Amino acid sequence: RGHRGSESFDGASSDWKSMRSELDQREQREKQRKQQEQELLRAKQLGDEQKHAEALAAAERSRQQREATEEARRRGIQEKQEAEQRRILEARDEERRRREEEGQTVDLEENKRAFEDFEEEFGL
C-alpha cells in the first residue's frame, strides 16, 4: 500500500511540478509581454517627444523666418524713408545754393549798376 501511495504521491508531485513549471512559464511570458509593452510605450513616448521637439523646432524656425522677413521689410521701409529724407534735404540744399548764387548774381548786378550810376553821376 505504501508503495502505491508513493507512486500516487510521485504522480501528484510530478503533476504539481509540471503545473508549477507551466505557471512559472506563464508568469515569465506575462512579465516579458509587460516589459515589451513598457518598451513600446517608452519608444512611442520618445517618438512623440522627438516629434514634439521637431514640431517645436519647426515652429521656432518659422517664427524666426517671419521675424527676419518682417525685420527686412521694416529695414526696407526705413531705408526708403531715409533715402527720401536725404533726397528732400539734398533738394533743399541745392535750392538754397541756387538761391544764394542767384542772390549773389543779383547783388553783383545791383552793385555794378549802382557803381555805373555813381560813375555817371560824378562823371568818373
Foldseek 3Di string as FASTA:
>chain_A
DVVVVVVVVVVVVVVVVVVVVVVVVVVVVVVVVVVVVVVVVVVVVVVVVVVVVVVVVVVVVVVVVVVVVVVVVVVVVVVVVVVVVVVVVVVVVVVVVVVVVVVVVVVVVVVVVVVVVVCVVVVD
